PDB file of N, CA and C in Angstrom:
ATOM      1  N   MET A   1       0.826  -1.188   0.000  1.00  0.00           N
ATOM      2  CA  MET A   1       0.000   0.000   0.000  1.00  0.00           C
ATOM      3  C   MET A   1       0.870   1.252   0.000  1.00  0.00           C
ATOM      4  N   ARG A   2       1.930   1.208   0.804  1.00  0.00           N
ATOM      5  CA  ARG A   2       2.825   2.355   0.864  1.00  0.00           C
ATOM      6  C   ARG A   2       3.538   2.566  -0.462  1.00  0.00           C
ATOM      7  N   ALA A   3       3.919   1.457  -1.106  1.00  0.00           N
ATOM      8  CA  ALA A   3       4.620   1.557  -2.383  1.00  0.00           C
ATOM      9  C   ALA A   3       3.726   2.199  -3.445  1.00  0.00           C
ATOM     10  N   LEU A   4       2.449   1.866  -3.432  1.00  0.00           N
ATOM     11  CA  LEU A   4       1.508   2.453  -4.386  1.00  0.00           C
ATOM     12  C   LEU A   4       1.384   3.960  -4.170  1.00  0.00           C
ATOM     13  N   LEU A   5       1.329   4.379  -2.919  1.00  0.00           N
ATOM     14  CA  LEU A   5       1.249   5.808  -2.622  1.00  0.00           C
ATOM     15  C   LEU A   5       2.524   6.535  -3.044  1.00  0.00           C
ATOM     16  N   VAL A   6       3.660   5.890  -2.859  1.00  0.00           N
ATOM     17  CA  VAL A   6       4.932   6.499  -3.281  1.00  0.00           C
ATOM     18  C   VAL A   6       4.954   6.643  -4.799  1.00  0.00           C
ATOM     19  N   LEU A   7       4.509   5.616  -5.529  1.00  0.00           N
ATOM     20  CA  LEU A   7       4.476   5.698  -6.997  1.00  0.00           C
ATOM     21  C   LEU A   7       3.521   6.786  -7.478  1.00  0.00           C
ATOM     22  N   LEU A   8       2.368   6.915  -6.836  1.00  0.00           N
ATOM     23  CA  LEU A   8       1.429   7.980  -7.212  1.00  0.00           C
ATOM     24  C   LEU A   8       2.025   9.360  -6.933  1.00  0.00           C
ATOM     25  N   GLY A   9       2.745   9.483  -5.823  1.00  0.00           N
ATOM     26  CA  GLY A   9       3.391  10.755  -5.499  1.00  0.00           C
ATOM     27  C   GLY A   9       4.462  11.117  -6.514  1.00  0.00           C
ATOM     28  N   ILE A  10       5.258  10.122  -6.928  1.00  0.00           N
ATOM     29  CA  ILE A  10       6.306  10.366  -7.928  1.00  0.00           C
ATOM     30  C   ILE A  10       5.676  10.760  -9.258  1.00  0.00           C
ATOM     31  N   ALA A  11       4.593  10.070  -9.648  1.00  0.00           N
ATOM     32  CA  ALA A  11       3.912  10.405 -10.903  1.00  0.00           C
ATOM     33  C   ALA A  11       3.363  11.833 -10.861  1.00  0.00           C
ATOM     34  N   ALA A  12       2.816  12.227  -9.721  1.00  0.00           N
ATOM     35  CA  ALA A  12       2.290  13.593  -9.585  1.00  0.00           C
ATOM     36  C   ALA A  12       3.412  14.619  -9.698  1.00  0.00           C
ATOM     37  N   LEU A  13       4.566  14.322  -9.090  1.00  0.00           N
ATOM     38  CA  LEU A  13       5.698  15.245  -9.187  1.00  0.00           C
ATOM     39  C   LEU A  13       6.213  15.366 -10.619  1.00  0.00           C
ATOM     40  N   VAL A  14       6.229  14.265 -11.349  1.00  0.00           N
ATOM     41  CA  VAL A  14       6.685  14.304 -12.748  1.00  0.00           C
ATOM     42  C   VAL A  14       5.729  15.143 -13.585  1.00  0.00           C
ATOM     43  N   ILE A  15       4.442  14.968 -13.374  1.00  0.00           N
ATOM     44  CA  ILE A  15       3.459  15.763 -14.129  1.00  0.00           C
ATOM     45  C   ILE A  15       3.575  17.243 -13.781  1.00  0.00           C
ATOM     46  N   LEU A  16       3.724  17.557 -12.510  1.00  0.00           N
ATOM     47  CA  LEU A  16       3.873  18.965 -12.112  1.00  0.00           C
ATOM     48  C   LEU A  16       5.152  19.572 -12.682  1.00  0.00           C
ATOM     49  N   ALA A  17       6.245  18.821 -12.690  1.00  0.00           N
ATOM     50  CA  ALA A  17       7.489  19.329 -13.262  1.00  0.00           C
ATOM     51  C   ALA A  17       7.324  19.563 -14.762  1.00  0.00           C
ATOM     52  N   GLY A  18       6.634  18.673 -15.445  1.00  0.00           N
ATOM     53  CA  GLY A  18       6.388  18.852 -16.877  1.00  0.00           C
ATOM     54  C   GLY A  18       5.539  20.077 -17.157  1.00  0.00           C
ATOM     55  N   MET A  19       4.560  20.321 -16.315  1.00  0.00           N
ATOM     56  CA  MET A  19       3.711  21.503 -16.502  1.00  0.00           C
ATOM     57  C   MET A  19       4.482  22.780 -16.178  1.00  0.00           C
ATOM     58  N   ALA A  20       5.349  22.741 -15.176  1.00  0.00           N
ATOM     59  CA  ALA A  20       6.110  23.927 -14.795  1.00  0.00           C
ATOM     60  C   ALA A  20       7.127  24.311 -15.859  1.00  0.00           C
ATOM     61  N   THR A  21       7.682  23.333 -16.559  1.00  0.00           N
ATOM     62  CA  THR A  21       8.680  23.615 -17.589  1.00  0.00           C
ATOM     63  C   THR A  21       8.052  23.872 -18.955  1.00  0.00           C
ATOM     64  N   GLY A  22       6.750  23.700 -19.084  1.00  0.00           N
ATOM     65  CA  GLY A  22       6.089  23.947 -20.357  1.00  0.00           C
ATOM     66  C   GLY A  22       6.101  22.740 -21.277  1.00  0.00           C
ATOM     67  N   PHE A  23       6.549  21.597 -20.792  1.00  0.00           N
ATOM     68  CA  PHE A  23       6.588  20.386 -21.618  1.00  0.00           C
ATOM     69  C   PHE A  23       5.194  19.784 -21.757  1.00  0.00           C
ATOM     70  N   ILE A  24       4.343  20.006 -20.757  1.00  0.00           N
ATOM     71  CA  ILE A  24       2.969  19.498 -20.777  1.00  0.00           C
ATOM     72  C   ILE A  24       2.026  20.683 -20.593  1.00  0.00           C
ATOM     73  N   SER A  25       1.019  20.757 -21.440  1.00  0.00           N
ATOM     74  CA  SER A  25       0.007  21.814 -21.324  1.00  0.00           C
ATOM     75  C   SER A  25      -1.366  21.148 -21.310  1.00  0.00           C
ATOM     76  N   ILE A  26      -2.121  21.327 -20.233  1.00  0.00           N
ATOM     77  CA  ILE A  26      -3.449  20.720 -20.101  1.00  0.00           C
ATOM     78  C   ILE A  26      -4.480  21.841 -20.024  1.00  0.00           C
ATOM     79  N   ASP A  27      -5.446  21.816 -20.959  1.00  0.00           N
ATOM     80  CA  ASP A  27      -6.513  22.822 -20.993  1.00  0.00           C
ATOM     81  C   ASP A  27      -7.864  22.121 -20.895  1.00  0.00           C
ATOM     82  N   GLN A  28      -8.777  22.691 -20.111  1.00  0.00           N
ATOM     83  CA  GLN A  28     -10.118  22.133 -20.001  1.00  0.00           C
ATOM     84  C   GLN A  28     -10.953  22.693 -21.144  1.00  0.00           C
ATOM     85  N   THR A  29     -11.537  21.796 -21.957  1.00  0.00           N
ATOM     86  CA  THR A  29     -12.311  22.229 -23.118  1.00  0.00           C
ATOM     87  C   THR A  29     -13.814  22.168 -22.871  1.00  0.00           C
ATOM     88  N   GLN A  30     -14.247  21.398 -21.869  1.00  0.00           N
ATOM     89  CA  GLN A  30     -15.675  21.284 -21.586  1.00  0.00           C
ATOM     90  C   GLN A  30     -15.840  21.156 -20.072  1.00  0.00           C
ATOM     91  N   THR A  31     -16.754  21.935 -19.517  1.00  0.00           N
ATOM     92  CA  THR A  31     -16.956  21.897 -18.066  1.00  0.00           C
ATOM     93  C   THR A  31     -17.861  20.733 -17.675  1.00  0.00           C
ATOM     94  N   ALA A  32     -17.792  20.363 -16.424  1.00  0.00           N
ATOM     95  CA  ALA A  32     -18.624  19.278 -15.910  1.00  0.00           C
ATOM     96  C   ALA A  32     -19.993  19.823 -15.519  1.00  0.00           C
ATOM     97  N   GLN A  33     -21.012  18.977 -15.643  1.00  0.00           N
ATOM     98  CA  GLN A  33     -22.359  19.338 -15.206  1.00  0.00           C
ATOM     99  C   GLN A  33     -22.886  18.200 -14.345  1.00  0.00           C
ATOM    100  N   LEU A  34     -23.481  18.563 -13.222  1.00  0.00           N
ATOM    101  CA  LEU A  34     -24.060  17.557 -12.345  1.00  0.00           C
ATOM    102  C   LEU A  34     -25.326  16.992 -12.967  1.00  0.00           C
ATOM    103  N   PRO A  35     -25.598  15.741 -12.715  1.00  0.00           N
ATOM    104  CA  PRO A  35     -26.837  15.167 -13.263  1.00  0.00           C
ATOM    105  C   PRO A  35     -28.050  15.715 -12.520  1.00  0.00           C
ATOM    106  N   ARG A  36     -29.043  16.103 -13.248  1.00  0.00           N
ATOM    107  CA  ARG A  36     -30.302  16.568 -12.639  1.00  0.00           C
ATOM    108  C   ARG A  36     -31.211  15.336 -12.507  1.00  0.00           C
ATOM    109  N   LEU A  37     -32.056  15.110 -13.453  1.00  0.00           N
ATOM    110  CA  LEU A  37     -32.887  13.907 -13.433  1.00  0.00           C
ATOM    111  C   LEU A  37     -32.209  12.779 -14.197  1.00  0.00           C
ATOM    112  N   GLU A  38     -31.482  13.123 -15.195  1.00  0.00           N
ATOM    113  CA  GLU A  38     -30.777  12.128 -16.003  1.00  0.00           C
ATOM    114  C   GLU A  38     -29.395  12.631 -16.348  1.00  0.00           C
ATOM    115  N   GLY A  39     -28.536  11.696 -16.637  1.00  0.00           N
ATOM    116  CA  GLY A  39     -27.223  11.988 -17.189  1.00  0.00           C
ATOM    117  C   GLY A  39     -26.452  13.055 -16.457  1.00  0.00           C
ATOM    118  N   GLY A  40     -25.633  13.661 -17.145  1.00  0.00           N
ATOM    119  CA  GLY A  40     -24.722  14.676 -16.648  1.00  0.00           C
ATOM    120  C   GLY A  40     -23.644  14.837 -17.703  1.00  0.00           C
ATOM    121  N   GLN A  41     -22.596  15.444 -17.328  1.00  0.00           N
ATOM    122  CA  GLN A  41     -21.538  15.636 -18.316  1.00  0.00           C
ATOM    123  C   GLN A  41     -20.195  15.640 -17.601  1.00  0.00           C
ATOM    124  N   ALA A  42     -19.298  14.811 -18.074  1.00  0.00           N
ATOM    125  CA  ALA A  42     -17.955  14.768 -17.512  1.00  0.00           C
ATOM    126  C   ALA A  42     -17.110  15.865 -18.157  1.00  0.00           C
ATOM    127  N   PRO A  43     -16.142  16.382 -17.439  1.00  0.00           N
ATOM    128  CA  PRO A  43     -15.287  17.410 -18.043  1.00  0.00           C
ATOM    129  C   PRO A  43     -14.372  16.799 -19.102  1.00  0.00           C
ATOM    130  N   GLU A  44     -14.009  17.604 -20.079  1.00  0.00           N
ATOM    131  CA  GLU A  44     -13.076  17.158 -21.114  1.00  0.00           C
ATOM    132  C   GLU A  44     -11.829  18.024 -21.051  1.00  0.00           C
ATOM    133  N   PHE A  45     -10.701  17.387 -21.302  1.00  0.00           N
ATOM    134  CA  PHE A  45      -9.421  18.081 -21.266  1.00  0.00           C
ATOM    135  C   PHE A  45      -8.653  17.815 -22.548  1.00  0.00           C
ATOM    136  N   LYS A  46      -7.872  18.787 -22.955  1.00  0.00           N
ATOM    137  CA  LYS A  46      -6.989  18.639 -24.108  1.00  0.00           C
ATOM    138  C   LYS A  46      -5.561  18.765 -23.578  1.00  0.00           C
ATOM    139  N   ALA A  47      -4.744  17.771 -23.867  1.00  0.00           N
ATOM    140  CA  ALA A  47      -3.364  17.773 -23.377  1.00  0.00           C
ATOM    141  C   ALA A  47      -2.404  17.861 -24.558  1.00  0.00           C
ATOM    142  N   ASP A  48      -1.567  18.872 -24.548  1.00  0.00           N
ATOM    143  CA  ASP A  48      -0.502  19.004 -25.540  1.00  0.00           C
ATOM    144  C   ASP A  48       0.809  18.695 -24.836  1.00  0.00           C
ATOM    145  N   VAL A  49       1.526  17.728 -25.369  1.00  0.00           N
ATOM    146  CA  VAL A  49       2.797  17.356 -24.755  1.00  0.00           C
ATOM    147  C   VAL A  49       3.923  17.596 -25.746  1.00  0.00           C
ATOM    148  N   GLY A  50       5.107  17.849 -25.225  1.00  0.00           N
ATOM    149  CA  GLY A  50       6.276  18.063 -26.074  1.00  0.00           C
ATOM    150  C   GLY A  50       6.688  16.789 -26.767  1.00  0.00           C
ATOM    151  N   ARG A  51       7.587  16.946 -27.704  1.00  0.00           N
ATOM    152  CA  ARG A  51       8.059  15.796 -28.472  1.00  0.00           C
ATOM    153  C   ARG A  51       9.577  15.804 -28.466  1.00  0.00           C
ATOM    154  N   ILE A  52      10.141  14.647 -28.276  1.00  0.00           N
ATOM    155  CA  ILE A  52      11.591  14.501 -28.278  1.00  0.00           C
ATOM    156  C   ILE A  52      11.973  13.560 -29.408  1.00  0.00           C
ATOM    157  N   ASP A  53      12.844  14.009 -30.278  1.00  0.00           N
ATOM    158  CA  ASP A  53      13.356  13.163 -31.349  1.00  0.00           C
ATOM    159  C   ASP A  53      14.781  12.757 -31.008  1.00  0.00           C
ATOM    160  N   VAL A  54      15.039  11.468 -31.077  1.00  0.00           N
ATOM    161  CA  VAL A  54      16.368  10.947 -30.781  1.00  0.00           C
ATOM    162  C   VAL A  54      16.906  10.328 -32.059  1.00  0.00           C
ATOM    163  N   GLY A  55      18.110  10.707 -32.438  1.00  0.00           N
ATOM    164  CA  GLY A  55      18.713  10.170 -33.646  1.00  0.00           C
ATOM    165  C   GLY A  55      20.180   9.848 -33.422  1.00  0.00           C
ATOM    166  N   THR A  56      20.798   9.327 -34.438  1.00  0.00           N
ATOM    167  CA  THR A  56      22.221   9.015 -34.355  1.00  0.00           C
ATOM    168  C   THR A  56      22.972   9.781 -35.434  1.00  0.00           C
ATOM    169  N   GLU A  57      24.236   9.936 -35.228  1.00  0.00           N
ATOM    170  CA  GLU A  57      25.079  10.683 -36.145  1.00  0.00           C
ATOM    171  C   GLU A  57      26.462  10.041 -36.136  1.00  0.00           C
ATOM    172  N   THR A  58      27.054   9.848 -37.310  1.00  0.00           N
ATOM    173  CA  THR A  58      28.374   9.247 -37.406  1.00  0.00           C
ATOM    174  C   THR A  58      29.419  10.341 -37.540  1.00  0.00           C
ATOM    175  N   LYS A  59      30.420  10.299 -36.662  1.00  0.00           N
ATOM    176  CA  LYS A  59      31.504  11.269 -36.697  1.00  0.00           C
ATOM    177  C   LYS A  59      32.828  10.544 -36.566  1.00  0.00           C
ATOM    178  N   THR A  60      33.880  11.146 -37.123  1.00  0.00           N
ATOM    179  CA  THR A  60      35.228  10.616 -36.973  1.00  0.00           C
ATOM    180  C   THR A  60      35.980  11.517 -36.001  1.00  0.00           C
ATOM    181  N   VAL A  61      36.553  10.902 -34.990  1.00  0.00           N
ATOM    182  CA  VAL A  61      37.251  11.647 -33.956  1.00  0.00           C
ATOM    183  C   VAL A  61      38.692  11.148 -33.909  1.00  0.00           C
ATOM    184  N   GLU A  62      39.639  12.082 -33.975  1.00  0.00           N
ATOM    185  CA  GLU A  62      41.033  11.700 -33.861  1.00  0.00           C
ATOM    186  C   GLU A  62      41.397  11.502 -32.397  1.00  0.00           C
ATOM    187  N   VAL A  63      42.062  10.403 -32.132  1.00  0.00           N
ATOM    188  CA  VAL A  63      42.466  10.079 -30.770  1.00  0.00           C
ATOM    189  C   VAL A  63      43.987  10.078 -30.726  1.00  0.00           C
ATOM    190  N   PRO A  64      44.595  10.749 -29.763  1.00  0.00           N
ATOM    191  CA  PRO A  64      46.056  10.775 -29.700  1.00  0.00           C
ATOM    192  C   PRO A  64      46.600   9.386 -29.347  1.00  0.00           C
ATOM    193  N   SER A  65      47.775   9.082 -29.909  1.00  0.00           N
ATOM    194  CA  SER A  65      48.396   7.795 -29.583  1.00  0.00           C
ATOM    195  C   SER A  65      49.236   7.963 -28.319  1.00  0.00           C
ATOM    196  N   ILE A  66      49.219   6.951 -27.507  1.00  0.00           N
ATOM    197  CA  ILE A  66      49.935   6.980 -26.232  1.00  0.00           C
ATOM    198  C   ILE A  66      50.899   5.800 -26.205  1.00  0.00           C
ATOM    199  N   GLN A  67      52.113   6.070 -25.788  1.00  0.00           N
ATOM    200  CA  GLN A  67      53.103   5.002 -25.650  1.00  0.00           C
ATOM    201  C   GLN A  67      53.530   4.950 -24.192  1.00  0.00           C
ATOM    202  N   VAL A  68      53.548   3.760 -23.649  1.00  0.00           N
ATOM    203  CA  VAL A  68      53.952   3.556 -22.267  1.00  0.00           C
ATOM    204  C   VAL A  68      55.275   2.808 -22.278  1.00  0.00           C
ATOM    205  N   GLN A  69      56.232   3.330 -21.550  1.00  0.00           N
ATOM    206  CA  GLN A  69      57.542   2.683 -21.474  1.00  0.00           C
ATOM    207  C   GLN A  69      57.852   2.354 -20.023  1.00  0.00           C
ATOM    208  N   LYS A  70      58.450   1.207 -19.850  1.00  0.00           N
ATOM    209  CA  LYS A  70      58.836   0.794 -18.509  1.00  0.00           C
ATOM    210  C   LYS A  70      60.085   1.569 -18.101  1.00  0.00           C
ATOM    211  N   PRO A  71      60.278   1.757 -16.807  1.00  0.00           N
ATOM    212  CA  PRO A  71      61.477   2.467 -16.350  1.00  0.00           C
ATOM    213  C   PRO A  71      62.747   1.718 -16.795  1.00  0.00           C
ATOM    214  N   GLY A  72      63.735   2.464 -17.231  1.00  0.00           N
ATOM    215  CA  GLY A  72      64.994   1.886 -17.657  1.00  0.00           C
ATOM    216  C   GLY A  72      65.025   1.463 -19.115  1.00  0.00           C
ATOM    217  N   ALA A  73      63.911   1.501 -19.805  1.00  0.00           N
ATOM    218  CA  ALA A  73      63.896   1.123 -21.220  1.00  0.00           C
ATOM    219  C   ALA A  73      64.275   2.336 -22.065  1.00  0.00           C
ATOM    220  N   THR A  74      64.885   2.108 -23.176  1.00  0.00           N
ATOM    221  CA  THR A  74      65.250   3.206 -24.060  1.00  0.00           C
ATOM    222  C   THR A  74      64.029   3.639 -24.871  1.00  0.00           C
ATOM    223  N   PRO A  75      63.857   4.925 -25.044  1.00  0.00           N
ATOM    224  CA  PRO A  75      62.686   5.393 -25.796  1.00  0.00           C
ATOM    225  C   PRO A  75      62.802   5.035 -27.281  1.00  0.00           C
ATOM    226  N   THR A  76      61.671   4.708 -27.868  1.00  0.00           N
ATOM    227  CA  THR A  76      61.608   4.430 -29.306  1.00  0.00           C
ATOM    228  C   THR A  76      60.927   5.591 -29.992  1.00  0.00           C
ATOM    229  N   PRO A  77      61.292   5.856 -31.208  1.00  0.00           N
ATOM    230  CA  PRO A  77      60.657   6.999 -31.926  1.00  0.00           C
ATOM    231  C   PRO A  77      59.171   6.749 -32.171  1.00  0.00           C
ATOM    232  N   ALA A  78      58.386   7.817 -32.112  1.00  0.00           N
ATOM    233  CA  ALA A  78      56.949   7.723 -32.349  1.00  0.00           C
ATOM    234  C   ALA A  78      56.685   7.518 -33.834  1.00  0.00           C
ATOM    235  N   GLN A  79      55.631   6.836 -34.134  1.00  0.00           N
ATOM    236  CA  GLN A  79      55.275   6.554 -35.535  1.00  0.00           C
ATOM    237  C   GLN A  79      54.359   7.592 -36.078  1.00  0.00           C
TER     238      GLN A  79
END
């Protein structure tokens, strides 16, 4: 039971952070109406969320060559 409450709390914090940063925008498009003799009306919401595109890119990176020599060994010329 405690774990469920913790998960709901984390989900609420994520939604609030998304709304605060502008990543999530929730607007109410229709108000709720209480049922009189019949029916009623539930509220409607429109949610606009951001989009993240993830892609790959191929690049060539030059890496310096490293030579390790043991103490007392004579140095060899770099190639």
